[in-house]
């Protein structure tokens, strides 16, 4: 098929219809605009544009470098190298080109969205009752074993493994004794340039690394491998392309789920609330369009 007119002409017609639809919507539906921006007042909640809300949602659950840079970068790199991994020419350009690809796509999408929602709910403390099997720590004891939690409630999020969990290995107590200074390479680590200082006085915070980086990444990789293994065992995943379909579908479904959560379920203080409880501060008089 030729780019012109087979591709560009339908795209031009689609763009015109899209523009016309937005013009009609703008006539009958007022955009919920607020007052002029005030640099001294930060809205609550302050949200990113919708296409970045998935990354903003990830920032609530893991290390900022992984959530904002590394994971998106890995996903984009994965998209770029798919043609170099799946080198088969069979079924190119065909939707659901393998035998079980439609089933794989449907099951993986449902699985990924459901798992994403469950993980977000767990990190919001919605499954606190299910983790009450941890004993309550006796604060009078200098060391703790087996692992216990400070307070009489269960885990209300993954970060509480760092803040509320206590256990000891000999005289080595979690979390306060699990911080280690970075190795000093002679005087190199003490070099300074203006306000920049290398790692001379920095420490490795093992509890923070485990809770914000290692465990989230293990969960992501483990759940991805789990669905691939299950679909392989039931006979649906048989080719490299099937594996690529699982990974691509899972990433996009999780991306969509995180976008929905960030858009419609995050209220003041980024608390997880029903959409009906989200309130927008319309500012002062005159009342902006879209506000009661």
Protein backbone atom coordinates (compact mmCIF):
# COMPACT_ATOMS: atom_id res chain seq x y z
CA UNK A 1 0.00 0.00 0.00
CA UNK A 2 1.20 3.51 -0.83
CA UNK A 3 1.63 6.17 1.81
CA UNK A 4 -0.34 8.55 -0.43
CA UNK A 5 -3.28 8.24 -0.77
CA UNK A 6 -3.84 4.93 1.04
CA UNK A 7 -2.47 6.08 4.42
CA UNK A 8 -2.43 9.89 4.54
CA UNK A 9 -5.92 10.46 3.15
CA UNK A 10 -7.71 8.31 5.83
CA UNK A 11 -5.51 9.96 8.48
CA UNK A 12 -6.50 13.42 7.22
CA UNK A 13 -10.21 12.54 7.32
CA UNK A 14 -9.80 11.11 10.85
CA UNK A 15 -8.04 14.30 12.01
CA UNK A 16 -10.86 16.44 10.61
CA UNK A 17 -13.52 14.34 12.35
CA UNK A 18 -11.54 14.45 15.59
CA UNK A 19 -11.25 18.27 15.41
CA UNK A 20 -14.96 18.64 14.59
CA UNK A 21 -15.90 16.46 17.57
CA UNK A 22 -13.83 18.61 19.93
CA UNK A 23 -15.34 21.81 18.54
CA UNK A 24 -18.87 20.47 19.16
CA UNK A 25 -17.92 19.36 22.68
CA UNK A 26 -16.42 22.78 23.46
CA UNK A 27 -19.70 24.46 22.48
CA UNK A 28 -21.86 22.42 24.84
CA UNK A 29 -19.41 21.49 27.66
CA UNK A 30 -17.40 24.11 29.55
CA UNK A 31 -13.81 23.19 30.34
CA UNK A 32 -13.28 23.09 34.15
CA UNK A 33 -10.75 25.91 34.15
CA UNK A 34 -9.63 27.46 37.44
CA UNK A 35 -8.48 30.98 38.23
CA UNK A 36 -5.17 32.37 37.09
CA UNK A 37 -2.16 30.49 38.40
CA UNK A 38 -0.77 31.72 41.72
CA UNK A 39 2.90 30.88 42.20
CA UNK A 40 2.54 31.14 45.98
CA UNK A 41 -0.26 28.56 46.22
CA UNK A 42 0.12 24.92 45.17
CA UNK A 43 -3.20 23.19 44.36
CA UNK A 44 -4.09 20.14 46.41
CA UNK A 45 -3.88 17.67 44.78
CA UNK A 46 -1.26 18.90 42.35
CA UNK A 47 -1.26 16.49 39.43
CA UNK A 48 0.83 16.04 36.32
CA UNK A 49 -0.74 16.08 32.84
CA UNK A 50 -2.80 12.95 32.27
CA UNK A 51 -0.13 11.30 30.10
CA UNK A 52 2.35 11.54 33.00
CA UNK A 53 -0.07 10.52 35.75
CA UNK A 54 1.06 6.89 35.47
CA UNK A 55 4.60 7.96 36.35
CA UNK A 56 3.33 10.21 39.14
CA UNK A 57 1.42 7.22 40.50
CA UNK A 58 4.57 5.09 40.37
CA UNK A 59 6.40 7.77 42.39
CA UNK A 60 4.09 6.98 45.31
CA UNK A 61 5.21 3.36 45.38
CA UNK A 62 8.90 3.17 44.54
CA UNK A 63 12.15 5.08 44.15
CA UNK A 64 11.82 8.28 42.12
CA UNK A 65 14.73 7.43 39.80
CA UNK A 66 13.19 4.09 38.85
CA UNK A 67 9.63 5.43 38.61
CA UNK A 68 10.42 8.61 36.68
CA UNK A 69 13.38 7.66 34.48
CA UNK A 70 14.65 4.09 34.52
CA UNK A 71 11.44 2.06 34.13
CA UNK A 72 10.04 4.28 31.33
CA UNK A 73 13.46 4.21 29.68
CA UNK A 74 13.63 0.41 29.88
CA UNK A 75 10.13 0.13 28.40
CA UNK A 76 10.99 2.45 25.48
CA UNK A 77 14.20 0.51 24.88
CA UNK A 78 12.19 -2.73 24.94
CA UNK A 79 9.83 -1.36 22.26
CA UNK A 80 12.83 -0.45 20.11
CA UNK A 81 14.50 -3.87 20.32
CA UNK A 82 11.36 -6.00 19.76
CA UNK A 83 12.09 -6.29 15.98
CA UNK A 84 15.60 -7.51 16.79
CA UNK A 85 14.28 -10.16 19.20
CA UNK A 86 11.27 -11.33 17.17
CA UNK A 87 12.88 -11.74 13.74
CA UNK A 88 10.21 -13.96 12.22
CA UNK A 89 8.45 -12.64 9.11
CA UNK A 90 5.40 -14.84 9.59
CA UNK A 91 2.22 -12.89 10.25
CA UNK A 92 3.85 -9.48 10.04
CA UNK A 93 1.31 -6.64 9.93
CA UNK A 94 -1.55 -8.95 10.98
CA UNK A 95 -3.55 -8.36 14.14
CA UNK A 96 -3.32 -11.39 16.45
CA UNK A 97 -1.02 -13.16 14.02
CA UNK A 98 -0.31 -16.24 16.17
CA UNK A 99 -2.69 -19.03 17.05
CA UNK A 100 -3.54 -17.98 20.62
CA UNK A 101 -2.59 -14.30 20.46
CA UNK A 102 -6.16 -13.02 20.98
CA UNK A 103 -6.51 -15.12 24.14
CA UNK A 104 -3.05 -14.11 25.32
CA UNK A 105 -3.85 -10.41 24.85
CA UNK A 106 -7.20 -10.60 26.66
CA UNK A 107 -5.96 -12.65 29.61
CA UNK A 108 -2.77 -10.63 30.03
CA UNK A 109 -4.65 -7.31 29.92
CA UNK A 110 -7.13 -8.44 32.59
CA UNK A 111 -4.35 -9.94 34.72
CA UNK A 112 -2.15 -6.85 34.52
CA UNK A 113 -4.93 -4.39 35.35
CA UNK A 114 -6.19 -6.53 38.24
CA UNK A 115 -2.70 -7.01 39.71
CA UNK A 116 -1.92 -3.30 39.36
CA UNK A 117 -5.09 -2.36 41.24
CA UNK A 118 -4.39 -4.90 43.98
CA UNK A 119 -0.84 -3.66 44.47
CA UNK A 120 -2.01 -0.03 44.66
CA UNK A 121 -4.71 -0.97 47.17
CA UNK A 122 -2.17 -2.88 49.26
CA UNK A 123 0.21 0.08 49.30
CA UNK A 124 -2.71 2.29 50.36
CA UNK A 125 -3.30 0.09 53.42
CA UNK A 126 -6.57 -1.42 52.20
CA UNK A 127 -5.42 -4.97 53.04
CA UNK A 128 -4.10 -4.12 56.49
CA UNK A 129 -6.22 -6.83 58.16
CA UNK A 130 -4.61 -9.54 56.04
CA UNK A 131 -1.16 -8.76 57.49
CA UNK A 132 -2.06 -8.85 61.17
CA UNK A 133 -0.29 -12.20 61.50
CA UNK A 134 2.85 -10.21 62.37
CA UNK A 135 3.23 -10.03 66.16
CA UNK A 136 3.31 -6.68 67.96
CA UNK A 137 6.78 -5.60 69.07
CA UNK A 138 7.61 -5.36 72.75
CA UNK A 139 9.26 -1.94 72.92
CA UNK A 140 10.99 -2.84 76.18
CA UNK A 141 13.06 -5.52 74.48
CA UNK A 142 16.36 -4.33 72.92
CA UNK A 143 16.21 -6.96 70.14
CA UNK A 144 13.33 -8.58 68.31
CA UNK A 145 12.81 -12.02 66.84
CA UNK A 146 10.69 -13.16 65.03
CA UNK A 147 9.98 -10.06 62.88
CA UNK A 148 7.30 -7.87 64.44
CA UNK A 149 5.53 -4.57 63.83
CA UNK A 150 5.43 -1.47 66.02
CA UNK A 151 1.78 -0.78 66.84
CA UNK A 152 -1.25 -3.05 66.87
CA UNK A 153 -2.18 -2.90 63.18
CA UNK A 154 -0.97 -4.79 60.14
CA UNK A 155 1.06 -3.41 57.25
CA UNK A 156 -0.47 -0.33 55.65
CA UNK A 157 1.89 -0.26 52.71
CA UNK A 158 5.24 -1.58 51.57
CA UNK A 159 7.19 1.32 53.10
CA UNK A 160 6.13 0.20 56.57
CA UNK A 161 8.59 -2.66 56.20
CA UNK A 162 11.16 0.10 56.71
CA UNK A 163 9.37 2.29 59.27
CA UNK A 164 7.45 -0.16 61.49
CA UNK A 165 9.06 -3.56 61.13
CA UNK A 166 11.63 -4.66 63.68
CA UNK A 167 13.85 -7.74 63.74
CA UNK A 168 17.34 -8.58 64.90
CA UNK A 169 20.08 -10.85 63.67
CA UNK A 170 22.31 -11.14 66.71
CA UNK A 171 22.91 -7.54 67.81
CA UNK A 172 22.18 -6.27 64.31
CA UNK A 173 18.79 -4.50 64.43
CA UNK A 174 16.52 -3.60 61.53
CA UNK A 175 16.30 -0.81 60.35
CA UNK A 176 18.72 1.36 62.35
CA UNK A 177 21.82 -0.84 61.99
CA UNK A 178 21.40 -1.45 58.26
CA UNK A 179 23.05 1.75 57.04
CA UNK A 180 26.60 1.44 55.76
CA UNK A 181 29.04 4.15 54.63
CA UNK A 182 30.05 4.08 51.00
CA UNK A 183 33.64 2.93 50.46
CA UNK A 184 36.21 5.72 50.33
CA UNK A 185 38.57 5.57 47.39
CA UNK A 186 41.42 7.51 48.87
CA UNK A 187 40.73 11.22 48.62
CA UNK A 188 38.68 10.87 45.42
CA UNK A 189 35.34 10.55 47.23
CA UNK A 190 36.03 13.78 49.13
CA UNK A 191 36.49 15.93 46.04
CA UNK A 192 34.36 19.08 45.92
CA UNK A 193 33.50 21.46 43.11
CA UNK A 194 31.51 24.52 44.20
CA UNK A 195 28.36 23.01 45.76
CA UNK A 196 28.99 19.51 44.39
CA UNK A 197 30.42 16.91 46.73
CA UNK A 198 31.10 13.26 45.97
CA UNK A 199 30.09 10.45 48.30
CA UNK A 200 32.60 11.01 51.11
CA UNK A 201 29.94 11.32 53.84
CA UNK A 202 27.15 9.29 52.25
CA UNK A 203 25.66 5.99 53.42
CA UNK A 204 23.82 3.11 51.80
CA UNK A 205 20.40 2.92 53.44
CA UNK A 206 19.68 -0.78 52.97
CA UNK A 207 16.05 -0.66 54.29
CA UNK A 208 15.22 2.19 51.89
CA UNK A 209 16.91 0.41 48.98
CA UNK A 210 15.03 -2.81 49.72
CA UNK A 211 11.62 -1.15 50.13
CA UNK A 212 11.83 1.45 47.35
CA UNK A 213 13.90 -0.40 44.75
CA UNK A 214 14.58 -4.11 45.24
CA UNK A 215 11.14 -5.31 46.35
CA UNK A 216 9.11 -3.27 43.79
CA UNK A 217 11.38 -4.43 40.97
CA UNK A 218 11.22 -8.06 42.12
CA UNK A 219 7.42 -7.83 42.25
CA UNK A 220 7.24 -6.38 38.72
CA UNK A 221 9.63 -8.94 37.23
CA UNK A 222 8.13 -11.82 39.22
CA UNK A 223 4.55 -11.09 38.17
CA UNK A 224 5.62 -10.74 34.52
CA UNK A 225 7.44 -14.08 34.61
CA UNK A 226 4.48 -15.68 36.37
CA UNK A 227 1.94 -14.87 33.65
CA UNK A 228 4.39 -15.95 30.93
CA UNK A 229 5.00 -19.25 32.74
CA UNK A 230 1.28 -19.92 33.32
CA UNK A 231 0.38 -19.21 29.68
CA UNK A 232 3.28 -21.41 28.58
CA UNK A 233 2.12 -24.28 30.80
CA UNK A 234 -1.42 -24.18 29.41
CA UNK A 235 -0.03 -24.21 25.87
CA UNK A 236 -0.81 -20.71 24.65
CA UNK A 237 2.70 -19.20 24.65
CA UNK A 238 4.77 -21.07 22.12
CA UNK A 239 6.79 -18.55 20.11
CA UNK A 240 8.96 -15.52 20.74
CA UNK A 241 6.17 -13.34 19.36
CA UNK A 242 3.77 -14.73 21.97
CA UNK A 243 6.20 -13.69 24.70
CA UNK A 244 6.50 -10.20 23.16
CA UNK A 245 2.69 -9.91 23.06
CA UNK A 246 2.47 -10.82 26.75
CA UNK A 247 5.12 -8.28 27.78
CA UNK A 248 3.79 -5.46 25.60
CA UNK A 249 0.16 -6.04 26.61
CA UNK A 250 1.05 -6.27 30.29
CA UNK A 251 3.04 -3.02 30.21
CA UNK A 252 0.31 -1.11 28.35
CA UNK A 253 -2.48 -2.44 30.59
CA UNK A 254 -0.54 -1.44 33.71
CA UNK A 255 0.15 1.98 32.12
CA UNK A 256 -3.61 2.42 31.56
CA UNK A 257 -4.52 1.26 35.07
CA UNK A 258 -2.03 3.66 36.69
CA UNK A 259 -3.33 6.52 34.52
CA UNK A 260 -6.92 5.83 35.59
CA UNK A 261 -5.96 5.63 39.25
CA UNK A 262 -3.97 8.86 39.10
CA UNK A 263 -6.72 10.68 37.20
CA UNK A 264 -9.85 9.62 39.05
CA UNK A 265 -8.86 8.10 42.40
CA UNK A 266 -6.27 10.47 43.91
CA UNK A 267 -7.61 13.27 46.10
CA UNK A 268 -6.06 15.73 48.53
CA UNK A 269 -2.63 14.69 49.70
CA UNK A 270 -2.67 12.03 46.93
CA UNK A 271 -4.93 9.91 49.14
CA UNK A 272 -6.74 7.04 47.43
CA UNK A 273 -10.44 8.02 47.42
CA UNK A 274 -13.55 7.29 45.31
CA UNK A 275 -13.99 9.67 42.33
CA UNK A 276 -17.12 11.14 43.93
CA UNK A 277 -15.04 12.39 46.88
CA UNK A 278 -12.55 14.35 44.78
CA UNK A 279 -13.11 18.09 45.11
CA UNK A 280 -11.58 20.86 43.02
CA UNK A 281 -10.89 24.21 44.64
CA UNK A 282 -12.52 26.63 42.22
CA UNK A 283 -10.82 29.64 43.74
CA UNK A 284 -12.32 33.00 44.51
CA UNK A 285 -14.93 35.12 42.77
CA UNK A 286 -15.47 35.39 39.84
CA UNK A 287 -16.32 31.72 39.62
CA UNK A 288 -14.43 30.03 36.76
CA UNK A 289 -16.35 28.09 34.06
CA UNK A 290 -17.27 24.55 35.11
CA UNK A 291 -17.46 25.39 38.83
CA UNK A 292 -20.77 25.58 40.73
